[in-house]
PDB file of all heavy atoms in Angstrom:
ATOM      1  N   HIS A   1     -24.005 216.743 -81.889  1.00  0.00           N
ATOM      2  CA  HIS A   1     -23.675 216.013 -80.660  1.00  0.00           C
ATOM      3  C   HIS A   1     -24.656 216.408 -79.564  1.00  0.00           C
ATOM      4  O   HIS A   1     -25.164 217.533 -79.526  1.00  0.00           O
ATOM      5  CB  HIS A   1     -22.240 216.350 -80.228  1.00  0.00           C
ATOM      6  CG  HIS A   1     -21.674 215.420 -79.215  1.00  0.00           C
ATOM      7  ND1 HIS A   1     -21.980 215.493 -77.867  1.00  0.00           N
ATOM      8  CD2 HIS A   1     -20.800 214.381 -79.342  1.00  0.00           C
ATOM      9  CE1 HIS A   1     -21.325 214.559 -77.222  1.00  0.00           C
ATOM     10  NE2 HIS A   1     -20.608 213.868 -78.093  1.00  0.00           N
ATOM     11  N   ALA A   2     -24.924 215.485 -78.669  1.00  0.00           N
ATOM     12  CA  ALA A   2     -25.774 215.793 -77.518  1.00  0.00           C
ATOM     13  C   ALA A   2     -25.146 216.930 -76.724  1.00  0.00           C
ATOM     14  O   ALA A   2     -23.917 217.055 -76.662  1.00  0.00           O
ATOM     15  CB  ALA A   2     -25.933 214.561 -76.635  1.00  0.00           C
ATOM     16  N   PRO A   3     -25.955 217.781 -76.092  1.00  0.00           N
ATOM     17  CA  PRO A   3     -25.402 218.897 -75.314  1.00  0.00           C
ATOM     18  C   PRO A   3     -24.443 218.415 -74.231  1.00  0.00           C
ATOM     19  O   PRO A   3     -24.644 217.368 -73.624  1.00  0.00           O
ATOM     20  CB  PRO A   3     -26.648 219.550 -74.701  1.00  0.00           C
ATOM     21  CG  PRO A   3     -27.766 219.164 -75.603  1.00  0.00           C
ATOM     22  CD  PRO A   3     -27.434 217.781 -76.094  1.00  0.00           C
ATOM     23  N   LEU A   4     -23.402 219.203 -74.018  1.00  0.00           N
ATOM     24  CA  LEU A   4     -22.405 218.932 -72.981  1.00  0.00           C
ATOM     25  C   LEU A   4     -22.191 220.209 -72.175  1.00  0.00           C
ATOM     26  O   LEU A   4     -22.322 221.314 -72.713  1.00  0.00           O
ATOM     27  CB  LEU A   4     -21.062 218.528 -73.595  1.00  0.00           C
ATOM     28  CG  LEU A   4     -20.872 217.105 -74.093  1.00  0.00           C
ATOM     29  CD1 LEU A   4     -19.513 216.981 -74.782  1.00  0.00           C
ATOM     30  CD2 LEU A   4     -20.965 216.107 -72.946  1.00  0.00           C
ATOM     31  N   PRO A   5     -21.840 220.092 -70.898  1.00  0.00           N
ATOM     32  CA  PRO A   5     -21.444 221.289 -70.156  1.00  0.00           C
ATOM     33  C   PRO A   5     -20.206 221.919 -70.789  1.00  0.00           C
ATOM     34  O   PRO A   5     -19.204 221.231 -71.028  1.00  0.00           O
ATOM     35  CB  PRO A   5     -21.141 220.750 -68.751  1.00  0.00           C
ATOM     36  CG  PRO A   5     -21.871 219.458 -68.660  1.00  0.00           C
ATOM     37  CD  PRO A   5     -21.857 218.884 -70.043  1.00  0.00           C
ATOM     38  N   LEU A   6     -20.277 223.215 -71.079  1.00  0.00           N
ATOM     39  CA  LEU A   6     -19.172 223.966 -71.663  1.00  0.00           C
ATOM     40  C   LEU A   6     -18.910 225.164 -70.771  1.00  0.00           C
ATOM     41  O   LEU A   6     -19.854 225.862 -70.381  1.00  0.00           O
ATOM     42  CB  LEU A   6     -19.515 224.450 -73.072  1.00  0.00           C
ATOM     43  CG  LEU A   6     -19.907 223.391 -74.109  1.00  0.00           C
ATOM     44  CD1 LEU A   6     -20.443 224.064 -75.362  1.00  0.00           C
ATOM     45  CD2 LEU A   6     -18.718 222.523 -74.460  1.00  0.00           C
ATOM     46  N   ALA A   7     -17.656 225.432 -70.447  1.00  0.00           N
ATOM     47  CA  ALA A   7     -17.361 226.527 -69.518  1.00  0.00           C
ATOM     48  C   ALA A   7     -16.056 227.200 -69.882  1.00  0.00           C
ATOM     49  O   ALA A   7     -15.074 226.542 -70.244  1.00  0.00           O
ATOM     50  CB  ALA A   7     -17.302 226.009 -68.083  1.00  0.00           C
ATOM     51  N   ALA A   8     -16.043 228.530 -69.769  1.00  0.00           N
ATOM     52  CA  ALA A   8     -14.840 229.317 -70.009  1.00  0.00           C
ATOM     53  C   ALA A   8     -14.145 229.606 -68.686  1.00  0.00           C
ATOM     54  O   ALA A   8     -14.792 229.761 -67.647  1.00  0.00           O
ATOM     55  CB  ALA A   8     -15.189 230.618 -70.713  1.00  0.00           C
ATOM     56  N   GLY A   9     -12.827 229.693 -68.751  1.00  0.00           N
ATOM     57  CA  GLY A   9     -12.037 230.057 -67.587  1.00  0.00           C
ATOM     58  C   GLY A   9     -11.711 231.539 -67.583  1.00  0.00           C
ATOM     59  O   GLY A   9     -12.330 232.347 -68.288  1.00  0.00           O
ATOM     60  N   ALA A  10     -10.708 231.905 -66.794  1.00  0.00           N
ATOM     61  CA  ALA A  10     -10.299 233.302 -66.669  1.00  0.00           C
ATOM     62  C   ALA A  10      -9.559 233.758 -67.923  1.00  0.00           C
ATOM     63  O   ALA A  10      -9.006 232.940 -68.672  1.00  0.00           O
ATOM     64  CB  ALA A  10      -9.404 233.473 -65.445  1.00  0.00           C
ATOM     65  N   ASP A  11      -9.533 235.065 -68.141  1.00  0.00           N
ATOM     66  CA  ASP A  11      -8.784 235.644 -69.255  1.00  0.00           C
ATOM     67  C   ASP A  11      -7.384 236.088 -68.830  1.00  0.00           C
ATOM     68  O   ASP A  11      -6.681 236.747 -69.608  1.00  0.00           O
ATOM     69  CB  ASP A  11      -9.546 236.839 -69.838  1.00  0.00           C
ATOM     70  CG  ASP A  11     -10.662 236.405 -70.777  1.00  0.00           C
ATOM     71  OD1 ASP A  11     -10.529 235.343 -71.412  1.00  0.00           O
ATOM     72  OD2 ASP A  11     -11.660 237.133 -70.870  1.00  0.00           O
ATOM     73  N   THR A  12      -7.004 235.734 -67.620  1.00  0.00           N
ATOM     74  CA  THR A  12      -5.660 236.043 -67.119  1.00  0.00           C
ATOM     75  C   THR A  12      -5.073 234.780 -66.505  1.00  0.00           C
ATOM     76  O   THR A  12      -5.792 233.838 -66.160  1.00  0.00           O
ATOM     77  CB  THR A  12      -5.701 237.150 -66.055  1.00  0.00           C
ATOM     78  OG1 THR A  12      -6.585 236.756 -64.995  1.00  0.00           O
ATOM     79  CG2 THR A  12      -6.175 238.465 -66.660  1.00  0.00           C
ATOM     80  N   GLY A  13      -3.758 234.774 -66.349  1.00  0.00           N
ATOM     81  CA  GLY A  13      -3.075 233.607 -65.830  1.00  0.00           C
ATOM     82  C   GLY A  13      -3.374 233.342 -64.362  1.00  0.00           C
ATOM     83  O   GLY A  13      -3.907 234.178 -63.637  1.00  0.00           O
ATOM     84  N   PHE A  14      -3.016 232.156 -63.926  1.00  0.00           N
ATOM     85  CA  PHE A  14      -3.198 231.719 -62.545  1.00  0.00           C
ATOM     86  C   PHE A  14      -2.442 232.653 -61.612  1.00  0.00           C
ATOM     87  O   PHE A  14      -1.264 232.941 -61.825  1.00  0.00           O
ATOM     88  CB  PHE A  14      -2.677 230.292 -62.404  1.00  0.00           C
ATOM     89  CG  PHE A  14      -2.759 229.717 -61.029  1.00  0.00           C
ATOM     90  CD1 PHE A  14      -3.983 229.402 -60.464  1.00  0.00           C
ATOM     91  CD2 PHE A  14      -1.608 229.478 -60.294  1.00  0.00           C
ATOM     92  CE1 PHE A  14      -4.063 228.844 -59.192  1.00  0.00           C
ATOM     93  CE2 PHE A  14      -1.673 228.924 -59.031  1.00  0.00           C
ATOM     94  CZ  PHE A  14      -2.906 228.615 -58.479  1.00  0.00           C
ATOM     95  N   ASP A  15      -3.129 233.144 -60.562  1.00  0.00           N
ATOM     96  CA  ASP A  15      -2.484 234.079 -59.643  1.00  0.00           C
ATOM     97  C   ASP A  15      -2.332 233.527 -58.229  1.00  0.00           C
ATOM     98  O   ASP A  15      -1.935 234.261 -57.322  1.00  0.00           O
ATOM     99  CB  ASP A  15      -3.253 235.408 -59.619  1.00  0.00           C
ATOM    100  CG  ASP A  15      -4.695 235.251 -59.090  1.00  0.00           C
ATOM    101  OD1 ASP A  15      -5.047 234.168 -58.589  1.00  0.00           O
ATOM    102  OD2 ASP A  15      -5.453 236.238 -59.179  1.00  0.00           O
ATOM    103  N   GLY A  16      -2.648 232.254 -58.041  1.00  0.00           N
ATOM    104  CA  GLY A  16      -2.477 231.629 -56.735  1.00  0.00           C
ATOM    105  C   GLY A  16      -3.676 231.745 -55.822  1.00  0.00           C
ATOM    106  O   GLY A  16      -3.731 231.067 -54.788  1.00  0.00           O
ATOM    107  N   SER A  17      -4.639 232.578 -56.166  1.00  0.00           N
ATOM    108  CA  SER A  17      -5.826 232.736 -55.328  1.00  0.00           C
ATOM    109  C   SER A  17      -6.879 231.707 -55.739  1.00  0.00           C
ATOM    110  O   SER A  17      -6.875 231.231 -56.885  1.00  0.00           O
ATOM    111  CB  SER A  17      -6.393 234.151 -55.465  1.00  0.00           C
ATOM    112  OG  SER A  17      -6.883 234.360 -56.775  1.00  0.00           O
ATOM    113  N   PRO A  18      -7.809 231.369 -54.850  1.00  0.00           N
ATOM    114  CA  PRO A  18      -8.871 230.419 -55.198  1.00  0.00           C
ATOM    115  C   PRO A  18      -9.953 231.070 -56.059  1.00  0.00           C
ATOM    116  O   PRO A  18     -10.941 231.593 -55.556  1.00  0.00           O
ATOM    117  CB  PRO A  18      -9.407 229.976 -53.839  1.00  0.00           C
ATOM    118  CG  PRO A  18      -9.086 231.102 -52.913  1.00  0.00           C
ATOM    119  CD  PRO A  18      -7.827 231.740 -53.419  1.00  0.00           C
ATOM    120  N   ARG A  19      -9.765 231.072 -57.372  1.00  0.00           N
ATOM    121  CA  ARG A  19     -10.729 231.688 -58.298  1.00  0.00           C
ATOM    122  C   ARG A  19     -11.778 230.659 -58.702  1.00  0.00           C
ATOM    123  O   ARG A  19     -11.454 229.611 -59.254  1.00  0.00           O
ATOM    124  CB  ARG A  19     -10.027 232.186 -59.562  1.00  0.00           C
ATOM    125  CG  ARG A  19      -8.987 233.251 -59.345  1.00  0.00           C
ATOM    126  CD  ARG A  19      -8.503 233.819 -60.665  1.00  0.00           C
ATOM    127  NE  ARG A  19      -7.805 232.842 -61.503  1.00  0.00           N
ATOM    128  CZ  ARG A  19      -7.140 233.145 -62.622  1.00  0.00           C
ATOM    129  NH1 ARG A  19      -7.115 234.402 -63.035  1.00  0.00           N
ATOM    130  NH2 ARG A  19      -6.529 232.220 -63.315  1.00  0.00           N
ATOM    131  N   GLU A  20     -13.025 230.976 -58.472  1.00  0.00           N
ATOM    132  CA  GLU A  20     -14.092 230.057 -58.879  1.00  0.00           C
ATOM    133  C   GLU A  20     -14.613 230.460 -60.253  1.00  0.00           C
ATOM    134  O   GLU A  20     -15.693 231.035 -60.392  1.00  0.00           O
ATOM    135  CB  GLU A  20     -15.220 230.012 -57.865  1.00  0.00           C
ATOM    136  CG  GLU A  20     -16.252 228.953 -58.210  1.00  0.00           C
ATOM    137  CD  GLU A  20     -17.130 228.558 -57.040  1.00  0.00           C
ATOM    138  OE1 GLU A  20     -16.870 229.023 -55.922  1.00  0.00           O
ATOM    139  OE2 GLU A  20     -18.054 227.769 -57.258  1.00  0.00           O
ATOM    140  N   THR A  21     -13.851 230.147 -61.280  1.00  0.00           N
ATOM    141  CA  THR A  21     -14.330 230.365 -62.630  1.00  0.00           C
ATOM    142  C   THR A  21     -15.291 229.231 -63.009  1.00  0.00           C
ATOM    143  O   THR A  21     -15.326 228.178 -62.363  1.00  0.00           O
ATOM    144  CB  THR A  21     -13.174 230.387 -63.632  1.00  0.00           C
ATOM    145  OG1 THR A  21     -12.562 229.082 -63.678  1.00  0.00           O
ATOM    146  CG2 THR A  21     -12.116 231.422 -63.232  1.00  0.00           C
ATOM    147  N   ALA A  22     -16.050 229.463 -64.079  1.00  0.00           N
ATOM    148  CA  ALA A  22     -16.974 228.423 -64.528  1.00  0.00           C
ATOM    149  C   ALA A  22     -16.213 227.162 -64.942  1.00  0.00           C
ATOM    150  O   ALA A  22     -16.660 226.036 -64.680  1.00  0.00           O
ATOM    151  CB  ALA A  22     -17.812 228.950 -65.691  1.00  0.00           C
ATOM    152  N   ALA A  23     -15.043 227.342 -65.559  1.00  0.00           N
ATOM    153  CA  ALA A  23     -14.253 226.186 -65.977  1.00  0.00           C
ATOM    154  C   ALA A  23     -13.731 225.411 -64.777  1.00  0.00           C
ATOM    155  O   ALA A  23     -13.795 224.168 -64.738  1.00  0.00           O
ATOM    156  CB  ALA A  23     -13.093 226.649 -66.854  1.00  0.00           C
ATOM    157  N   ALA A  24     -13.202 226.112 -63.780  1.00  0.00           N
ATOM    158  CA  ALA A  24     -12.695 225.432 -62.590  1.00  0.00           C
ATOM    159  C   ALA A  24     -13.814 224.685 -61.889  1.00  0.00           C
ATOM    160  O   ALA A  24     -13.641 223.547 -61.440  1.00  0.00           O
ATOM    161  CB  ALA A  24     -12.049 226.443 -61.643  1.00  0.00           C
ATOM    162  N   ARG A  25     -14.992 225.302 -61.791  1.00  0.00           N
ATOM    163  CA  ARG A  25     -16.116 224.659 -61.133  1.00  0.00           C
ATOM    164  C   ARG A  25     -16.557 223.406 -61.882  1.00  0.00           C
ATOM    165  O   ARG A  25     -16.891 222.390 -61.265  1.00  0.00           O
ATOM    166  CB  ARG A  25     -17.278 225.655 -61.002  1.00  0.00           C
ATOM    167  CG  ARG A  25     -18.572 225.072 -60.441  1.00  0.00           C
ATOM    168  CD  ARG A  25     -18.380 224.259 -59.180  1.00  0.00           C
ATOM    169  NE  ARG A  25     -17.795 225.032 -58.096  1.00  0.00           N
ATOM    170  CZ  ARG A  25     -17.415 224.486 -56.938  1.00  0.00           C
ATOM    171  NH1 ARG A  25     -17.528 223.165 -56.742  1.00  0.00           N
ATOM    172  NH2 ARG A  25     -16.893 225.239 -55.993  1.00  0.00           N
ATOM    173  N   LEU A  26     -16.549 223.456 -63.221  1.00  0.00           N
ATOM    174  CA  LEU A  26     -16.929 222.278 -63.997  1.00  0.00           C
ATOM    175  C   LEU A  26     -15.979 221.119 -63.706  1.00  0.00           C
ATOM    176  O   LEU A  26     -16.417 219.974 -63.486  1.00  0.00           O
ATOM    177  CB  LEU A  26     -16.931 222.617 -65.483  1.00  0.00           C
ATOM    178  CG  LEU A  26     -17.528 221.598 -66.458  1.00  0.00           C
ATOM    179  CD1 LEU A  26     -17.933 222.277 -67.769  1.00  0.00           C
ATOM    180  CD2 LEU A  26     -16.573 220.445 -66.779  1.00  0.00           C
ATOM    181  N   ILE A  27     -14.665 221.401 -63.686  1.00  0.00           N
ATOM    182  CA  ILE A  27     -13.682 220.348 -63.417  1.00  0.00           C
ATOM    183  C   ILE A  27     -13.851 219.805 -62.009  1.00  0.00           C
ATOM    184  O   ILE A  27     -13.842 218.582 -61.790  1.00  0.00           O
ATOM    185  CB  ILE A  27     -12.253 220.883 -63.637  1.00  0.00           C
ATOM    186  CG1 ILE A  27     -12.027 221.216 -65.112  1.00  0.00           C
ATOM    187  CG2 ILE A  27     -11.212 219.867 -63.157  1.00  0.00           C
ATOM    188  CD1 ILE A  27     -10.735 221.967 -65.390  1.00  0.00           C
ATOM    189  N   VAL A  28     -14.031 220.685 -61.032  1.00  0.00           N
ATOM    190  CA  VAL A  28     -14.187 220.253 -59.644  1.00  0.00           C
ATOM    191  C   VAL A  28     -15.428 219.383 -59.487  1.00  0.00           C
ATOM    192  O   VAL A  28     -15.392 218.313 -58.853  1.00  0.00           O
ATOM    193  CB  VAL A  28     -14.261 221.479 -58.704  1.00  0.00           C
ATOM    194  CG1 VAL A  28     -14.728 221.066 -57.313  1.00  0.00           C
ATOM    195  CG2 VAL A  28     -12.898 222.164 -58.622  1.00  0.00           C
ATOM    196  N   ASP A  29     -16.544 219.807 -60.054  1.00  0.00           N
ATOM    197  CA  ASP A  29     -17.785 219.041 -59.922  1.00  0.00           C
ATOM    198  C   ASP A  29     -17.680 217.681 -60.604  1.00  0.00           C
ATOM    199  O   ASP A  29     -18.208 216.675 -60.098  1.00  0.00           O
ATOM    200  CB  ASP A  29     -18.958 219.830 -60.499  1.00  0.00           C
ATOM    201  CG  ASP A  29     -19.344 221.023 -59.640  1.00  0.00           C
ATOM    202  OD1 ASP A  29     -18.846 221.121 -58.498  1.00  0.00           O
ATOM    203  OD2 ASP A  29     -20.124 221.875 -60.125  1.00  0.00           O
ATOM    204  N   ALA A  30     -17.010 217.630 -61.758  1.00  0.00           N
ATOM    205  CA  ALA A  30     -16.836 216.346 -62.443  1.00  0.00           C
ATOM    206  C   ALA A  30     -15.925 215.427 -61.640  1.00  0.00           C
ATOM    207  O   ALA A  30     -16.180 214.222 -61.520  1.00  0.00           O
ATOM    208  CB  ALA A  30     -16.273 216.571 -63.844  1.00  0.00           C
ATOM    209  N   ALA A  31     -14.864 215.984 -61.046  1.00  0.00           N
ATOM    210  CA  ALA A  31     -13.951 215.178 -60.243  1.00  0.00           C
ATOM    211  C   ALA A  31     -14.610 214.704 -58.961  1.00  0.00           C
ATOM    212  O   ALA A  31     -14.285 213.622 -58.447  1.00  0.00           O
ATOM    213  CB  ALA A  31     -12.692 215.984 -59.923  1.00  0.00           C
ATOM    214  N   ALA A  32     -15.542 215.489 -58.447  1.00  0.00           N
ATOM    215  CA  ALA A  32     -16.224 215.099 -57.218  1.00  0.00           C
ATOM    216  C   ALA A  32     -17.036 213.824 -57.400  1.00  0.00           C
ATOM    217  O   ALA A  32     -17.327 213.116 -56.421  1.00  0.00           O
ATOM    218  CB  ALA A  32     -17.136 216.232 -56.746  1.00  0.00           C
ATOM    219  N   GLN A  33     -17.398 213.501 -58.642  1.00  0.00           N
ATOM    220  CA  GLN A  33     -18.151 212.280 -58.920  1.00  0.00           C
ATOM    221  C   GLN A  33     -17.241 211.081 -59.175  1.00  0.00           C
ATOM    222  O   GLN A  33     -17.728 209.967 -59.385  1.00  0.00           O
ATOM    223  CB  GLN A  33     -19.055 212.508 -60.127  1.00  0.00           C
ATOM    224  CG  GLN A  33     -20.056 213.638 -59.954  1.00  0.00           C
ATOM    225  CD  GLN A  33     -20.860 213.885 -61.216  1.00  0.00           C
ATOM    226  OE1 GLN A  33     -21.327 212.948 -61.865  1.00  0.00           O
ATOM    227  NE2 GLN A  33     -21.016 215.145 -61.583  1.00  0.00           N
ATOM    228  N   ALA A  34     -15.935 211.327 -59.180  1.00  0.00           N
ATOM    229  CA  ALA A  34     -14.969 210.263 -59.424  1.00  0.00           C
ATOM    230  C   ALA A  34     -14.490 209.674 -58.102  1.00  0.00           C
ATOM    231  O   ALA A  34     -14.841 210.141 -57.016  1.00  0.00           O
ATOM    232  CB  ALA A  34     -13.789 210.804 -60.238  1.00  0.00           C
ATOM    233  N   THR A  35     -13.663 208.644 -58.204  1.00  0.00           N
ATOM    234  CA  THR A  35     -13.055 208.013 -57.027  1.00  0.00           C
ATOM    235  C   THR A  35     -11.580 207.787 -57.322  1.00  0.00           C
ATOM    236  O   THR A  35     -11.154 207.823 -58.482  1.00  0.00           O
ATOM    237  CB  THR A  35     -13.719 206.661 -56.728  1.00  0.00           C
ATOM    238  OG1 THR A  35     -13.368 205.724 -57.773  1.00  0.00           O
ATOM    239  CG2 THR A  35     -15.231 206.780 -56.625  1.00  0.00           C
ATOM    240  N   PRO A  36     -10.762 207.522 -56.301  1.00  0.00           N
ATOM    241  CA  PRO A  36      -9.345 207.225 -56.554  1.00  0.00           C
ATOM    242  C   PRO A  36      -9.144 206.017 -57.461  1.00  0.00           C
ATOM    243  O   PRO A  36      -8.107 205.886 -58.117  1.00  0.00           O
ATOM    244  CB  PRO A  36      -8.785 206.980 -55.149  1.00  0.00           C
ATOM    245  CG  PRO A  36      -9.674 207.793 -54.254  1.00  0.00           C
ATOM    246  CD  PRO A  36     -11.040 207.661 -54.858  1.00  0.00           C
ATOM    247  N   ASP A  37     -10.142 205.111 -57.517  1.00  0.00           N
ATOM    248  CA  ASP A  37     -10.025 203.925 -58.368  1.00  0.00           C
ATOM    249  C   ASP A  37     -10.625 204.134 -59.752  1.00  0.00           C
ATOM    250  O   ASP A  37     -10.370 203.336 -60.660  1.00  0.00           O
ATOM    251  CB  ASP A  37     -10.708 202.739 -57.693  1.00  0.00           C
ATOM    252  CG  ASP A  37     -10.012 202.329 -56.396  1.00  0.00           C
ATOM    253  OD1 ASP A  37      -8.766 202.426 -56.348  1.00  0.00           O
ATOM    254  OD2 ASP A  37     -10.714 201.935 -55.457  1.00  0.00           O
ATOM    255  N   ALA A  38     -11.442 205.152 -59.919  1.00  0.00           N
ATOM    256  CA  ALA A  38     -12.049 205.476 -61.215  1.00  0.00           C
ATOM    257  C   ALA A  38     -11.962 206.987 -61.390  1.00  0.00           C
ATOM    258  O   ALA A  38     -12.940 207.709 -61.236  1.00  0.00           O
ATOM    259  CB  ALA A  38     -13.496 204.988 -61.283  1.00  0.00           C
ATOM    260  N   LYS A  39     -10.767 207.450 -61.707  1.00  0.00           N
ATOM    261  CA  LYS A  39     -10.482 208.880 -61.714  1.00  0.00           C
ATOM    262  C   LYS A  39     -11.110 209.583 -62.918  1.00  0.00           C
ATOM    263  O   LYS A  39     -11.366 208.963 -63.962  1.00  0.00           O
ATOM    264  CB  LYS A  39      -8.969 209.118 -61.717  1.00  0.00           C
ATOM    265  CG  LYS A  39      -8.267 208.610 -60.470  1.00  0.00           C
ATOM    266  CD  LYS A  39      -6.787 208.964 -60.493  1.00  0.00           C
ATOM    267  CE  LYS A  39      -6.103 208.485 -59.211  1.00  0.00           C
ATOM    268  NZ  LYS A  39      -4.686 208.907 -59.151  1.00  0.00           N
ATOM    269  N   LEU A  40     -11.338 210.876 -62.731  1.00  0.00           N
ATOM    270  CA  LEU A  40     -11.681 211.735 -63.855  1.00  0.00           C
ATOM    271  C   LEU A  40     -10.390 212.030 -64.622  1.00  0.00           C
ATOM    272  O   LEU A  40      -9.376 212.419 -64.032  1.00  0.00           O
ATOM    273  CB  LEU A  40     -12.281 213.051 -63.360  1.00  0.00           C
ATOM    274  CG  LEU A  40     -12.526 214.107 -64.449  1.00  0.00           C
ATOM    275  CD1 LEU A  40     -13.745 213.743 -65.286  1.00  0.00           C
ATOM    276  CD2 LEU A  40     -12.679 215.500 -63.833  1.00  0.00           C
ATOM    277  N   THR A  41     -10.421 211.858 -65.931  1.00  0.00           N
ATOM    278  CA  THR A  41      -9.287 212.237 -66.772  1.00  0.00           C
ATOM    279  C   THR A  41      -9.511 213.644 -67.303  1.00  0.00           C
ATOM    280  O   THR A  41     -10.543 213.920 -67.908  1.00  0.00           O
ATOM    281  CB  THR A  41      -9.122 211.254 -67.946  1.00  0.00           C
ATOM    282  OG1 THR A  41      -8.811 209.956 -67.442  1.00  0.00           O
ATOM    283  CG2 THR A  41      -8.007 211.710 -68.871  1.00  0.00           C
ATOM    284  N   VAL A  42      -8.561 214.532 -67.041  1.00  0.00           N
ATOM    285  CA  VAL A  42      -8.588 215.872 -67.624  1.00  0.00           C
ATOM    286  C   VAL A  42      -7.544 215.898 -68.731  1.00  0.00           C
ATOM    287  O   VAL A  42      -6.350 215.736 -68.468  1.00  0.00           O
ATOM    288  CB  VAL A  42      -8.302 216.960 -66.576  1.00  0.00           C
ATOM    289  CG1 VAL A  42      -8.281 218.341 -67.250  1.00  0.00           C
ATOM    290  CG2 VAL A  42      -9.345 216.929 -65.469  1.00  0.00           C
ATOM    291  N   VAL A  43      -8.011 216.060 -69.960  1.00  0.00           N
ATOM    292  CA  VAL A  43      -7.119 216.136 -71.108  1.00  0.00           C
ATOM    293  C   VAL A  43      -6.916 217.607 -71.425  1.00  0.00           C
ATOM    294  O   VAL A  43      -7.857 218.308 -71.794  1.00  0.00           O
ATOM    295  CB  VAL A  43      -7.720 215.409 -72.327  1.00  0.00           C
ATOM    296  CG1 VAL A  43      -6.781 215.540 -73.530  1.00  0.00           C
ATOM    297  CG2 VAL A  43      -7.980 213.945 -72.010  1.00  0.00           C
ATOM    298  N   CYS A  44      -5.696 218.092 -71.262  1.00  0.00           N
ATOM    299  CA  CYS A  44      -5.406 219.510 -71.468  1.00  0.00           C
ATOM    300  C   CYS A  44      -4.390 219.662 -72.595  1.00  0.00           C
ATOM    301  O   CYS A  44      -3.266 219.158 -72.488  1.00  0.00           O
ATOM    302  CB  CYS A  44      -4.877 220.146 -70.181  1.00  0.00           C
ATOM    303  SG  CYS A  44      -4.467 221.903 -70.362  1.00  0.00           S
ATOM    304  N   GLY A  45      -4.799 220.380 -73.647  1.00  0.00           N
ATOM    305  CA  GLY A  45      -3.901 220.636 -74.759  1.00  0.00           C
ATOM    306  C   GLY A  45      -3.476 222.081 -74.859  1.00  0.00           C
ATOM    307  O   GLY A  45      -3.044 222.527 -75.921  1.00  0.00           O
TER     308      GLY A  45
END
């Protein structure tokens, strides 16, 4: 497959603080390119 951005998150659970993990930054940057009419879909399993 063509290369894709891949990022790991934290090794601990959410603690309520603004943690800038690589995974969070990837999601934020991808969503920043979206609009309310053409949303980014985050599929979380």
